[in-house]
Amino acid sequence: MSETRRLAVVAGALFLVTEVAAIGGLALYRPVLEGPGYVVGSGADTRVFLGALCELVLALAVMGTGAALYPVLRRRGEAAAVGYVCGRLLEAAVIAIGIVSVLAVVTLRRSAGPSGAADAASLVTAGKALVALHDWTFLLGPNFVLGANTLVLACLMYTSRLVPRAVAVLGLAGGALICASATAVLFGVYEQVSVAGSLAALPVFAWEVTLAVRLLFKGFDEAACDGAGEGARARVDALAG
């Protein structure tokens, strides 16, 4: 198996991990995100910890996709490839902030103690603030930044023909739509977790899954890879001459 093929398999697997981890984390976080009284109730801390673990895996996988794709992408456009890697790092960092905010809710609930001596209204207010912080990180990271990263990667894939152009077009459409949806949420057109928001996220979800399957089972287009290699050698020869 060639180095390029191995990178394609690794990137494809990591894209699938991001999808599973993102869905798992959101589902497991539900009690703390939807229950304003979580900090003064019995809580579901184990479930929240599992959700945090899923989101940590998500952040690591997000960074991993950037690292795995960079050696291939830089031969098609080094500046864009570096931008994609930096964007993935930013996305992972924002996700990490969201993880910390949710874990802080658990700490707040535990610090109140079973006696409930702490002021309940203050605890609920603090808990809501931490959940709001998570919601904003969710909007910025897995929406705005994800959309920008998707557009960069899909554009590189489209121009280099590393994957079929239909796949790249799906990414371009998905990236643009998720950014537009995030903008609508930002200005209060609809809620972040809603039917409209879910529908807007479907194309980018389809893009990542389709790209992952393509990379796992077929890899990058070998003709495009060979052409890039020949172009690089030609440039080196020209400089040497």
C-alpha atoms as a PDB file:
ATOM      1  CA  MET A   1       0.000   0.000   0.000  1.00  0.00           C
ATOM      2  CA  SER A   2       1.439   3.374  -1.022  1.00  0.00           C
ATOM      3  CA  GLU A   3       1.883   6.237   1.441  1.00  0.00           C
ATOM      4  CA  THR A   4      -0.880   8.221  -0.273  1.00  0.00           C
ATOM      5  CA  ARG A   5      -3.263   5.273   0.012  1.00  0.00           C
ATOM      6  CA  ARG A   6      -2.467   4.853   3.718  1.00  0.00           C
ATOM      7  CA  LEU A   7      -3.142   8.538   4.331  1.00  0.00           C
ATOM      8  CA  ALA A   8      -6.465   8.226   2.514  1.00  0.00           C
ATOM      9  CA  VAL A   9      -7.504   5.290   4.716  1.00  0.00           C
ATOM     10  CA  VAL A  10      -6.502   7.105   7.904  1.00  0.00           C
ATOM     11  CA  ALA A  11      -8.337  10.283   6.874  1.00  0.00           C
ATOM     12  CA  GLY A  12     -11.444   8.334   5.854  1.00  0.00           C
ATOM     13  CA  ALA A  13     -11.551   6.475   9.163  1.00  0.00           C
ATOM     14  CA  LEU A  14     -11.102   9.696  11.130  1.00  0.00           C
ATOM     15  CA  PHE A  15     -13.930  11.414   9.236  1.00  0.00           C
ATOM     16  CA  LEU A  16     -16.250   8.573  10.233  1.00  0.00           C
ATOM     17  CA  VAL A  17     -15.057   8.850  13.844  1.00  0.00           C
ATOM     18  CA  THR A  18     -15.913  12.567  13.852  1.00  0.00           C
ATOM     19  CA  GLU A  19     -19.486  11.842  12.780  1.00  0.00           C
ATOM     20  CA  VAL A  20     -20.064   9.101  15.351  1.00  0.00           C
ATOM     21  CA  ALA A  21     -18.405  11.062  18.170  1.00  0.00           C
ATOM     22  CA  ALA A  22     -20.320  14.272  17.373  1.00  0.00           C
ATOM     23  CA  ILE A  23     -23.697  12.525  17.388  1.00  0.00           C
ATOM     24  CA  GLY A  24     -22.823  10.547  20.515  1.00  0.00           C
ATOM     25  CA  GLY A  25     -21.636  13.604  22.404  1.00  0.00           C
ATOM     26  CA  LEU A  26     -24.729  15.651  21.595  1.00  0.00           C
ATOM     27  CA  ALA A  27     -27.045  12.786  22.597  1.00  0.00           C
ATOM     28  CA  LEU A  28     -25.246  12.138  25.884  1.00  0.00           C
ATOM     29  CA  TYR A  29     -25.131  15.833  26.807  1.00  0.00           C
ATOM     30  CA  ARG A  30     -28.896  16.201  26.465  1.00  0.00           C
ATOM     31  CA  PRO A  31     -29.770  16.185  30.223  1.00  0.00           C
ATOM     32  CA  VAL A  32     -27.380  19.015  31.051  1.00  0.00           C
ATOM     33  CA  LEU A  33     -28.114  21.047  27.907  1.00  0.00           C
ATOM     34  CA  GLU A  34     -31.907  20.856  28.143  1.00  0.00           C
ATOM     35  CA  GLY A  35     -32.431  20.798  31.905  1.00  0.00           C
ATOM     36  CA  PRO A  36     -31.857  24.210  33.513  1.00  0.00           C
ATOM     37  CA  GLY A  37     -32.309  22.583  36.910  1.00  0.00           C
ATOM     38  CA  TYR A  38     -29.507  20.074  36.371  1.00  0.00           C
ATOM     39  CA  VAL A  39     -27.180  21.796  38.847  1.00  0.00           C
ATOM     40  CA  VAL A  40     -29.679  21.455  41.693  1.00  0.00           C
ATOM     41  CA  GLY A  41     -31.005  17.998  40.774  1.00  0.00           C
ATOM     42  CA  SER A  42     -29.746  14.450  41.103  1.00  0.00           C
ATOM     43  CA  GLY A  43     -27.830  14.820  37.842  1.00  0.00           C
ATOM     44  CA  ALA A  44     -26.603  12.245  35.314  1.00  0.00           C
ATOM     45  CA  ASP A  45     -22.903  12.828  35.716  1.00  0.00           C
ATOM     46  CA  THR A  46     -21.719   9.527  34.251  1.00  0.00           C
ATOM     47  CA  ARG A  47     -23.677  10.197  31.084  1.00  0.00           C
ATOM     48  CA  VAL A  48     -22.208  13.709  30.852  1.00  0.00           C
ATOM     49  CA  PHE A  49     -18.686  12.338  31.348  1.00  0.00           C
ATOM     50  CA  LEU A  50     -19.272   9.867  28.516  1.00  0.00           C
ATOM     51  CA  GLY A  51     -20.459  12.762  26.358  1.00  0.00           C
ATOM     52  CA  ALA A  52     -17.303  14.709  27.218  1.00  0.00           C
ATOM     53  CA  LEU A  53     -15.230  11.675  26.259  1.00  0.00           C
ATOM     54  CA  CYS A  54     -17.032  11.497  22.906  1.00  0.00           C
ATOM     55  CA  GLU A  55     -16.351  15.181  22.290  1.00  0.00           C
ATOM     56  CA  LEU A  56     -12.690  14.726  23.244  1.00  0.00           C
ATOM     57  CA  VAL A  57     -12.451  11.922  20.690  1.00  0.00           C
ATOM     58  CA  LEU A  58     -14.173  14.267  18.231  1.00  0.00           C
ATOM     59  CA  ALA A  59     -11.589  17.011  18.803  1.00  0.00           C
ATOM     60  CA  LEU A  60      -8.687  14.578  18.369  1.00  0.00           C
ATOM     61  CA  ALA A  61     -10.213  13.133  15.193  1.00  0.00           C
ATOM     62  CA  VAL A  62     -10.775  16.622  13.790  1.00  0.00           C
ATOM     63  CA  MET A  63      -7.089  17.416  14.270  1.00  0.00           C
ATOM     64  CA  GLY A  64      -6.172  14.027  12.856  1.00  0.00           C
ATOM     65  CA  THR A  65      -7.995  14.638   9.576  1.00  0.00           C
ATOM     66  CA  GLY A  66      -6.009  17.816   9.046  1.00  0.00           C
ATOM     67  CA  ALA A  67      -2.706  16.069   9.778  1.00  0.00           C
ATOM     68  CA  ALA A  68      -3.527  13.080   7.558  1.00  0.00           C
ATOM     69  CA  LEU A  69      -4.629  15.162   4.581  1.00  0.00           C
ATOM     70  CA  TYR A  70      -1.905  17.803   4.716  1.00  0.00           C
ATOM     71  CA  PRO A  71       0.849  15.790   2.923  1.00  0.00           C
ATOM     72  CA  VAL A  72      -1.520  15.200   0.014  1.00  0.00           C
ATOM     73  CA  LEU A  73      -3.138  18.632  -0.075  1.00  0.00           C
ATOM     74  CA  ARG A  74       0.065  20.684   0.106  1.00  0.00           C
ATOM     75  CA  ARG A  75       1.076  19.437  -3.331  1.00  0.00           C
ATOM     76  CA  ARG A  76      -2.105  21.010  -4.738  1.00  0.00           C
ATOM     77  CA  GLY A  77      -1.897  24.282  -2.856  1.00  0.00           C
ATOM     78  CA  GLU A  78       0.367  24.727   0.128  1.00  0.00           C
ATOM     79  CA  ALA A  79      -1.238  27.909   1.442  1.00  0.00           C
ATOM     80  CA  ALA A  80      -4.731  26.397   1.312  1.00  0.00           C
ATOM     81  CA  ALA A  81      -3.454  23.162   2.864  1.00  0.00           C
ATOM     82  CA  VAL A  82      -1.901  25.065   5.775  1.00  0.00           C
ATOM     83  CA  GLY A  83      -5.125  27.036   6.138  1.00  0.00           C
ATOM     84  CA  TYR A  84      -7.120  23.811   6.319  1.00  0.00           C
ATOM     85  CA  VAL A  85      -4.872  22.374   9.030  1.00  0.00           C
ATOM     86  CA  CYS A  86      -5.067  25.605  11.047  1.00  0.00           C
ATOM     87  CA  GLY A  87      -8.829  25.655  10.622  1.00  0.00           C
ATOM     88  CA  ARG A  88      -9.126  22.107  11.938  1.00  0.00           C
ATOM     89  CA  LEU A  89      -6.964  23.029  14.932  1.00  0.00           C
ATOM     90  CA  LEU A  90      -9.213  26.028  15.624  1.00  0.00           C
ATOM     91  CA  GLU A  91     -12.310  23.838  15.327  1.00  0.00           C
ATOM     92  CA  ALA A  92     -10.865  21.345  17.819  1.00  0.00           C
ATOM     93  CA  ALA A  93      -9.901  24.134  20.236  1.00  0.00           C
ATOM     94  CA  VAL A  94     -13.427  25.562  20.211  1.00  0.00           C
ATOM     95  CA  ILE A  95     -14.851  22.073  20.832  1.00  0.00           C
ATOM     96  CA  ALA A  96     -12.483  21.694  23.793  1.00  0.00           C
ATOM     97  CA  ILE A  97     -13.803  24.932  25.313  1.00  0.00           C
ATOM     98  CA  GLY A  98     -17.318  23.513  25.024  1.00  0.00           C
ATOM     99  CA  ILE A  99     -16.229  20.336  26.816  1.00  0.00           C
ATOM    100  CA  VAL A 100     -14.798  22.335  29.704  1.00  0.00           C
ATOM    101  CA  SER A 101     -17.975  24.394  30.056  1.00  0.00           C
ATOM    102  CA  VAL A 102     -20.148  21.278  30.334  1.00  0.00           C
ATOM    103  CA  LEU A 103     -17.812  19.627  32.829  1.00  0.00           C
ATOM    104  CA  ALA A 104     -17.927  22.842  34.849  1.00  0.00           C
ATOM    105  CA  VAL A 105     -21.694  22.380  35.193  1.00  0.00           C
ATOM    106  CA  VAL A 106     -21.073  18.991  36.800  1.00  0.00           C
ATOM    107  CA  THR A 107     -18.508  20.506  39.155  1.00  0.00           C
ATOM    108  CA  LEU A 108     -20.979  23.246  40.070  1.00  0.00           C
ATOM    109  CA  ARG A 109     -23.681  20.686  40.844  1.00  0.00           C
ATOM    110  CA  ARG A 110     -21.350  18.651  43.027  1.00  0.00           C
ATOM    111  CA  SER A 111     -20.031  21.688  44.879  1.00  0.00           C
ATOM    112  CA  ALA A 112     -23.564  22.541  46.020  1.00  0.00           C
ATOM    113  CA  GLY A 113     -23.592  19.395  48.119  1.00  0.00           C
ATOM    114  CA  PRO A 114     -26.565  17.217  49.025  1.00  0.00           C
ATOM    115  CA  SER A 115     -27.753  19.640  51.669  1.00  0.00           C
ATOM    116  CA  GLY A 116     -28.646  22.273  49.089  1.00  0.00           C
ATOM    117  CA  ALA A 117     -27.173  25.003  51.284  1.00  0.00           C
ATOM    118  CA  ALA A 118     -26.077  27.026  48.300  1.00  0.00           C
ATOM    119  CA  ASP A 119     -28.601  29.405  46.782  1.00  0.00           C
ATOM    120  CA  ALA A 120     -30.525  27.398  44.180  1.00  0.00           C
ATOM    121  CA  ALA A 121     -31.374  30.386  41.980  1.00  0.00           C
ATOM    122  CA  SER A 122     -27.702  31.397  41.767  1.00  0.00           C
ATOM    123  CA  LEU A 123     -26.675  27.853  40.894  1.00  0.00           C
ATOM    124  CA  VAL A 124     -29.266  27.635  38.136  1.00  0.00           C
ATOM    125  CA  THR A 125     -28.134  30.994  36.726  1.00  0.00           C
ATOM    126  CA  ALA A 126     -24.492  29.910  36.730  1.00  0.00           C
ATOM    127  CA  GLY A 127     -25.442  26.590  35.139  1.00  0.00           C
ATOM    128  CA  LYS A 128     -27.379  28.351  32.396  1.00  0.00           C
ATOM    129  CA  ALA A 129     -24.385  30.598  31.692  1.00  0.00           C
ATOM    130  CA  LEU A 130     -22.092  27.594  31.277  1.00  0.00           C
ATOM    131  CA  VAL A 131     -24.588  25.851  29.004  1.00  0.00           C
ATOM    132  CA  ALA A 132     -24.889  29.044  26.957  1.00  0.00           C
ATOM    133  CA  LEU A 133     -21.090  29.043  26.593  1.00  0.00           C
ATOM    134  CA  HIS A 134     -21.267  25.488  25.265  1.00  0.00           C
ATOM    135  CA  ASP A 135     -24.025  26.454  22.837  1.00  0.00           C
ATOM    136  CA  TRP A 136     -21.932  29.315  21.445  1.00  0.00           C
ATOM    137  CA  THR A 137     -18.901  27.062  21.025  1.00  0.00           C
ATOM    138  CA  PHE A 138     -21.139  24.578  19.214  1.00  0.00           C
ATOM    139  CA  LEU A 139     -22.246  27.339  16.870  1.00  0.00           C
ATOM    140  CA  LEU A 140     -18.740  28.625  16.215  1.00  0.00           C
ATOM    141  CA  GLY A 141     -16.837  25.326  16.004  1.00  0.00           C
ATOM    142  CA  PRO A 142     -19.001  22.609  14.410  1.00  0.00           C
ATOM    143  CA  ASN A 143     -20.879  25.200  12.347  1.00  0.00           C
ATOM    144  CA  PHE A 144     -18.974  28.338  11.255  1.00  0.00           C
ATOM    145  CA  VAL A 145     -15.441  26.924  11.386  1.00  0.00           C
ATOM    146  CA  LEU A 146     -16.535  23.526  10.093  1.00  0.00           C
ATOM    147  CA  GLY A 147     -18.255  25.228   7.174  1.00  0.00           C
ATOM    148  CA  ALA A 148     -15.142  27.246   6.319  1.00  0.00           C
ATOM    149  CA  ASN A 149     -12.939  24.144   6.583  1.00  0.00           C
ATOM    150  CA  THR A 150     -15.323  22.212   4.368  1.00  0.00           C
ATOM    151  CA  LEU A 151     -15.236  24.909   1.705  1.00  0.00           C
ATOM    152  CA  VAL A 152     -11.414  24.959   1.684  1.00  0.00           C
ATOM    153  CA  LEU A 153     -11.111  21.168   1.482  1.00  0.00           C
ATOM    154  CA  ALA A 154     -13.869  20.770  -1.103  1.00  0.00           C
ATOM    155  CA  CYS A 155     -12.336  23.525  -3.245  1.00  0.00           C
ATOM    156  CA  LEU A 156      -8.952  21.780  -3.167  1.00  0.00           C
ATOM    157  CA  MET A 157     -10.589  18.466  -4.000  1.00  0.00           C
ATOM    158  CA  TYR A 158     -12.529  20.052  -6.853  1.00  0.00           C
ATOM    159  CA  THR A 159      -9.614  21.814  -8.510  1.00  0.00           C
ATOM    160  CA  SER A 160      -7.179  18.911  -8.092  1.00  0.00           C
ATOM    161  CA  ARG A 161      -9.702  16.177  -8.946  1.00  0.00           C
ATOM    162  CA  LEU A 162      -8.423  14.053  -6.069  1.00  0.00           C
ATOM    163  CA  VAL A 163     -11.988  12.761  -5.737  1.00  0.00           C
ATOM    164  CA  PRO A 164     -14.861  12.834  -8.247  1.00  0.00           C
ATOM    165  CA  ARG A 165     -16.108  16.359  -8.764  1.00  0.00           C
ATOM    166  CA  ALA A 166     -19.627  15.383  -7.733  1.00  0.00           C
ATOM    167  CA  VAL A 167     -18.267  14.584  -4.262  1.00  0.00           C
ATOM    168  CA  ALA A 168     -16.413  17.899  -4.125  1.00  0.00           C
ATOM    169  CA  VAL A 169     -19.536  19.810  -5.217  1.00  0.00           C
ATOM    170  CA  LEU A 170     -21.454  18.196  -2.358  1.00  0.00           C
ATOM    171  CA  GLY A 171     -18.806  19.564  -0.006  1.00  0.00           C
ATOM    172  CA  LEU A 172     -19.007  23.042  -1.504  1.00  0.00           C
ATOM    173  CA  ALA A 173     -22.773  23.055  -1.127  1.00  0.00           C
ATOM    174  CA  GLY A 174     -22.627  21.611   2.393  1.00  0.00           C
ATOM    175  CA  GLY A 175     -19.999  24.078   3.586  1.00  0.00           C
ATOM    176  CA  ALA A 176     -21.871  27.070   2.213  1.00  0.00           C
ATOM    177  CA  LEU A 177     -25.191  25.899   3.647  1.00  0.00           C
ATOM    178  CA  ILE A 178     -23.876  25.221   7.155  1.00  0.00           C
ATOM    179  CA  CYS A 179     -22.283  28.680   7.238  1.00  0.00           C
ATOM    180  CA  ALA A 180     -25.556  30.250   6.092  1.00  0.00           C
ATOM    181  CA  SER A 181     -27.462  28.259   8.704  1.00  0.00           C
ATOM    182  CA  ALA A 182     -25.057  29.316  11.454  1.00  0.00           C
ATOM    183  CA  THR A 183     -25.561  32.940  10.415  1.00  0.00           C
ATOM    184  CA  ALA A 184     -29.330  32.471  10.629  1.00  0.00           C
ATOM    185  CA  VAL A 185     -28.982  31.003  14.126  1.00  0.00           C
ATOM    186  CA  LEU A 186     -26.679  33.866  15.146  1.00  0.00           C
ATOM    187  CA  PHE A 187     -29.368  36.401  14.232  1.00  0.00           C
ATOM    188  CA  GLY A 188     -32.179  34.412  15.842  1.00  0.00           C
ATOM    189  CA  VAL A 189     -33.974  33.215  12.706  1.00  0.00           C
ATOM    190  CA  TYR A 190     -34.327  29.746  14.237  1.00  0.00           C
ATOM    191  CA  GLU A 191     -32.886  27.711  17.088  1.00  0.00           C
ATOM    192  CA  GLN A 192     -29.556  25.970  16.770  1.00  0.00           C
ATOM    193  CA  VAL A 193     -30.966  22.536  17.566  1.00  0.00           C
ATOM    194  CA  SER A 194     -34.095  22.548  15.407  1.00  0.00           C
ATOM    195  CA  VAL A 195     -35.577  20.938  12.328  1.00  0.00           C
ATOM    196  CA  ALA A 196     -34.258  23.739  10.118  1.00  0.00           C
ATOM    197  CA  GLY A 197     -30.807  23.497  11.666  1.00  0.00           C
ATOM    198  CA  SER A 198     -30.724  19.724  11.252  1.00  0.00           C
ATOM    199  CA  LEU A 199     -31.787  19.941   7.611  1.00  0.00           C
ATOM    200  CA  ALA A 200     -29.088  22.532   6.928  1.00  0.00           C
ATOM    201  CA  ALA A 201     -26.487  20.216   8.456  1.00  0.00           C
ATOM    202  CA  LEU A 202     -27.459  17.203   6.332  1.00  0.00           C
ATOM    203  CA  PRO A 203     -25.410  18.133   3.212  1.00  0.00           C
ATOM    204  CA  VAL A 204     -22.173  18.603   5.167  1.00  0.00           C
ATOM    205  CA  PHE A 205     -22.877  15.346   7.016  1.00  0.00           C
ATOM    206  CA  ALA A 206     -23.440  13.611   3.673  1.00  0.00           C
ATOM    207  CA  TRP A 207     -20.215  15.157   2.315  1.00  0.00           C
ATOM    208  CA  GLU A 208     -18.077  13.882   5.189  1.00  0.00           C
ATOM    209  CA  VAL A 209     -19.580  10.398   5.102  1.00  0.00           C
ATOM    210  CA  THR A 210     -19.312  10.184   1.297  1.00  0.00           C
ATOM    211  CA  LEU A 211     -15.725  11.443   1.377  1.00  0.00           C
ATOM    212  CA  ALA A 212     -14.863   8.996   4.156  1.00  0.00           C
ATOM    213  CA  VAL A 213     -16.254   6.022   2.233  1.00  0.00           C
ATOM    214  CA  ARG A 214     -14.464   7.154  -0.911  1.00  0.00           C
ATOM    215  CA  LEU A 215     -11.135   7.499   0.878  1.00  0.00           C
ATOM    216  CA  LEU A 216     -11.499   4.192   2.709  1.00  0.00           C
ATOM    217  CA  PHE A 217     -12.402   2.037  -0.267  1.00  0.00           C
ATOM    218  CA  LYS A 218     -10.933   3.815  -3.289  1.00  0.00           C
ATOM    219  CA  GLY A 219      -8.558   6.445  -1.982  1.00  0.00           C
ATOM    220  CA  PHE A 220      -7.521   9.487  -3.959  1.00  0.00           C
ATOM    221  CA  ASP A 221      -7.639   9.536  -7.734  1.00  0.00           C
ATOM    222  CA  GLU A 222      -4.279   8.058  -8.731  1.00  0.00           C
ATOM    223  CA  ALA A 223      -4.131  10.009 -11.992  1.00  0.00           C
ATOM    224  CA  ALA A 224      -4.477  13.284 -10.089  1.00  0.00           C
ATOM    225  CA  CYS A 225      -1.802  12.189  -7.608  1.00  0.00           C
ATOM    226  CA  ASP A 226       0.599  11.206 -10.397  1.00  0.00           C
ATOM    227  CA  GLY A 227      -0.055  14.476 -12.221  1.00  0.00           C
ATOM    228  CA  ALA A 228       0.748  16.474  -9.094  1.00  0.00           C
ATOM    229  CA  GLY A 229       3.957  14.546  -8.609  1.00  0.00           C
ATOM    230  CA  GLU A 230       5.047  15.107 -12.207  1.00  0.00           C
ATOM    231  CA  GLY A 231       4.235  18.812 -11.919  1.00  0.00           C
ATOM    232  CA  ALA A 232       6.332  19.120  -8.781  1.00  0.00           C
ATOM    233  CA  ARG A 233       9.276  17.366 -10.423  1.00  0.00           C
ATOM    234  CA  ALA A 234       8.982  19.629 -13.450  1.00  0.00           C
ATOM    235  CA  ARG A 235       9.134  22.716 -11.243  1.00  0.00           C
ATOM    236  CA  VAL A 236      12.217  21.367  -9.445  1.00  0.00           C
ATOM    237  CA  ASP A 237      13.921  20.619 -12.767  1.00  0.00           C
ATOM    238  CA  ALA A 238      13.099  24.108 -14.035  1.00  0.00           C
ATOM    239  CA  LEU A 239      14.592  25.720 -10.930  1.00  0.00           C
ATOM    240  CA  ALA A 240      17.676  23.529 -11.160  1.00  0.00           C
ATOM    241  CA  GLY A 241      18.131  24.465 -14.807  1.00  0.00           C
END
